[in-house]
Amino acid sequence: MVLFIGGTTIIAVAFSIYIGIKPANIDTNAEYLKIEGPYGETLYYTDIVEVKKIPKPKFLKKVEGFQLGENKKGLFELKNNQLVRVISKKDTCLFLITENENYIIDYDKDLYALIKSKLIPRQ
């Protein structure tokens, strides 16, 4: 019985780590981008106010989520106490500012160009 419980616990922990370090898949279409995974979301281009290419912030305090080395997924707090959803494992990221929330995702030049082309000029 002890071996079964111990083995099940080890398998559950290993599976959690695998899910945490697995890169997030980002699907795009004409209206939105969908970040898949446990902390993923669907972001409509009309809600995105600004997108910037940035280095990953050095100070990220985990509020909820997964963090193992450079792999970060979940809700984090920046140095200025701003909350941001992070789904990233790279050093260079995209900082997405929406009307309701901010996101940091892995940088991809094609994704960056697509989001920039879909932004609606704000006044």
Protein backbone atom coordinates (compact mmCIF):
# COMPACT_ATOMS: atom_id res chain seq x y z
CA MET A 1 0.00 0.00 0.00
CA VAL A 2 2.82 2.40 0.90
CA LEU A 3 4.58 1.64 -2.41
CA PHE A 4 1.38 2.34 -4.34
CA ILE A 5 0.79 5.70 -2.62
CA GLY A 6 4.45 6.67 -2.96
CA GLY A 7 4.56 5.66 -6.62
CA THR A 8 1.37 7.53 -7.39
CA THR A 9 2.73 10.65 -5.70
CA ILE A 10 5.99 10.48 -7.67
CA ILE A 11 4.10 10.05 -10.94
CA ALA A 12 1.81 13.01 -10.12
CA VAL A 13 4.79 15.26 -9.31
CA ALA A 14 6.65 14.19 -12.47
CA PHE A 15 3.55 14.86 -14.58
CA SER A 16 3.13 18.32 -13.01
CA ILE A 17 6.74 19.20 -13.79
CA TYR A 18 6.35 17.94 -17.37
CA ILE A 19 3.24 20.10 -17.88
CA GLY A 20 5.05 23.09 -16.35
CA ILE A 21 8.14 22.92 -18.55
CA LYS A 22 6.31 22.03 -21.75
CA PRO A 23 6.34 25.10 -24.05
CA ALA A 24 2.97 26.78 -24.50
CA ASN A 25 1.42 26.39 -27.92
CA ILE A 26 0.02 29.61 -29.35
CA ASP A 27 -2.62 29.29 -32.05
CA THR A 28 -3.57 32.32 -34.11
CA ASN A 29 -6.47 33.13 -36.36
CA ALA A 30 -8.02 36.28 -37.82
CA GLU A 31 -9.67 37.45 -34.58
CA TYR A 32 -7.62 36.16 -31.65
CA LEU A 33 -4.60 34.30 -30.41
CA LYS A 34 -5.08 31.37 -28.10
CA ILE A 35 -2.40 30.44 -25.59
CA GLU A 36 -2.91 26.80 -24.71
CA GLY A 37 -2.03 25.13 -21.45
CA PRO A 38 -2.97 25.39 -17.78
CA TYR A 39 -2.47 29.18 -17.59
CA GLY A 40 -3.36 29.96 -21.19
CA GLU A 41 -6.08 32.28 -22.37
CA THR A 42 -7.72 33.57 -25.52
CA LEU A 43 -6.73 37.14 -26.35
CA TYR A 44 -8.69 39.05 -28.95
CA TYR A 45 -6.61 41.44 -31.03
CA THR A 46 -9.20 44.17 -30.43
CA ASP A 47 -8.44 43.99 -26.68
CA ILE A 48 -4.68 44.39 -27.11
CA VAL A 49 -3.67 48.01 -26.58
CA GLU A 50 0.08 47.64 -27.06
CA VAL A 51 2.74 45.00 -27.71
CA LYS A 52 6.45 45.40 -26.93
CA LYS A 53 9.49 43.19 -27.36
CA ILE A 54 11.31 43.13 -24.00
CA PRO A 55 13.92 41.14 -22.13
CA LYS A 56 12.30 38.94 -19.49
CA PRO A 57 12.09 40.98 -16.28
CA LYS A 58 14.69 39.85 -13.74
CA PHE A 59 12.37 40.36 -10.79
CA LEU A 60 9.21 38.29 -11.01
CA LYS A 61 7.55 37.25 -7.75
CA LYS A 62 5.22 34.29 -8.17
CA VAL A 63 1.68 34.90 -6.91
CA GLU A 64 0.22 31.68 -8.32
CA GLY A 65 1.44 29.24 -10.91
CA PHE A 66 4.54 27.29 -11.85
CA GLN A 67 8.18 28.35 -11.72
CA LEU A 68 11.19 26.15 -12.40
CA GLY A 69 14.34 27.93 -13.54
CA GLU A 70 13.46 30.14 -16.50
CA ASN A 71 10.13 28.37 -17.01
CA LYS A 72 7.38 30.56 -15.62
CA LYS A 73 3.64 30.10 -16.03
CA GLY A 74 0.97 31.83 -14.01
CA LEU A 75 0.36 35.12 -12.25
CA PHE A 76 3.48 37.06 -11.23
CA GLU A 77 4.20 40.42 -9.65
CA LEU A 78 6.70 42.82 -11.22
CA LYS A 79 9.06 45.05 -9.27
CA ASN A 80 6.54 47.93 -9.45
CA ASN A 81 3.81 45.72 -7.86
CA GLN A 82 2.06 45.32 -11.21
CA LEU A 83 0.47 41.89 -11.76
CA VAL A 84 1.16 40.16 -15.07
CA ARG A 85 0.31 36.75 -16.53
CA VAL A 86 3.54 35.07 -17.60
CA ILE A 87 3.84 32.12 -19.95
CA SER A 88 7.49 32.13 -20.88
CA LYS A 89 10.72 30.21 -20.83
CA LYS A 90 12.83 32.45 -23.10
CA ASP A 91 14.98 35.48 -22.28
CA THR A 92 13.25 37.65 -24.90
CA CYS A 93 9.52 38.13 -24.49
CA LEU A 94 6.50 39.94 -25.80
CA PHE A 95 4.79 42.22 -23.31
CA LEU A 96 1.11 42.43 -24.22
CA ILE A 97 -0.95 45.19 -22.67
CA THR A 98 -4.70 44.69 -22.82
CA GLU A 99 -7.53 46.74 -21.40
CA ASN A 100 -7.90 44.37 -18.43
CA GLU A 101 -4.60 42.57 -17.89
CA ASN A 102 -0.98 42.37 -19.00
CA TYR A 103 0.82 39.32 -20.37
CA ILE A 104 4.39 38.22 -20.93
CA ILE A 105 4.77 35.46 -23.51
CA ASP A 106 7.72 34.01 -25.43
CA TYR A 107 8.98 36.18 -28.29
CA ASP A 108 8.42 34.99 -31.84
CA LYS A 109 9.11 37.45 -34.66
CA ASP A 110 6.17 36.22 -36.79
CA LEU A 111 3.76 36.44 -33.85
CA TYR A 112 5.07 39.92 -33.02
CA ALA A 113 4.51 41.09 -36.61
CA LEU A 114 1.02 39.57 -36.67
CA ILE A 115 -0.04 41.24 -33.43
CA LYS A 116 1.41 44.60 -34.53
CA SER A 117 -0.53 44.38 -37.80
CA LYS A 118 -3.79 43.67 -35.95
CA LEU A 119 -3.53 46.50 -33.40
CA ILE A 120 -6.19 49.15 -33.63
CA PRO A 121 -4.77 52.68 -33.25
CA ARG A 122 -5.97 54.16 -29.92
CA GLN A 123 -6.43 57.83 -29.22
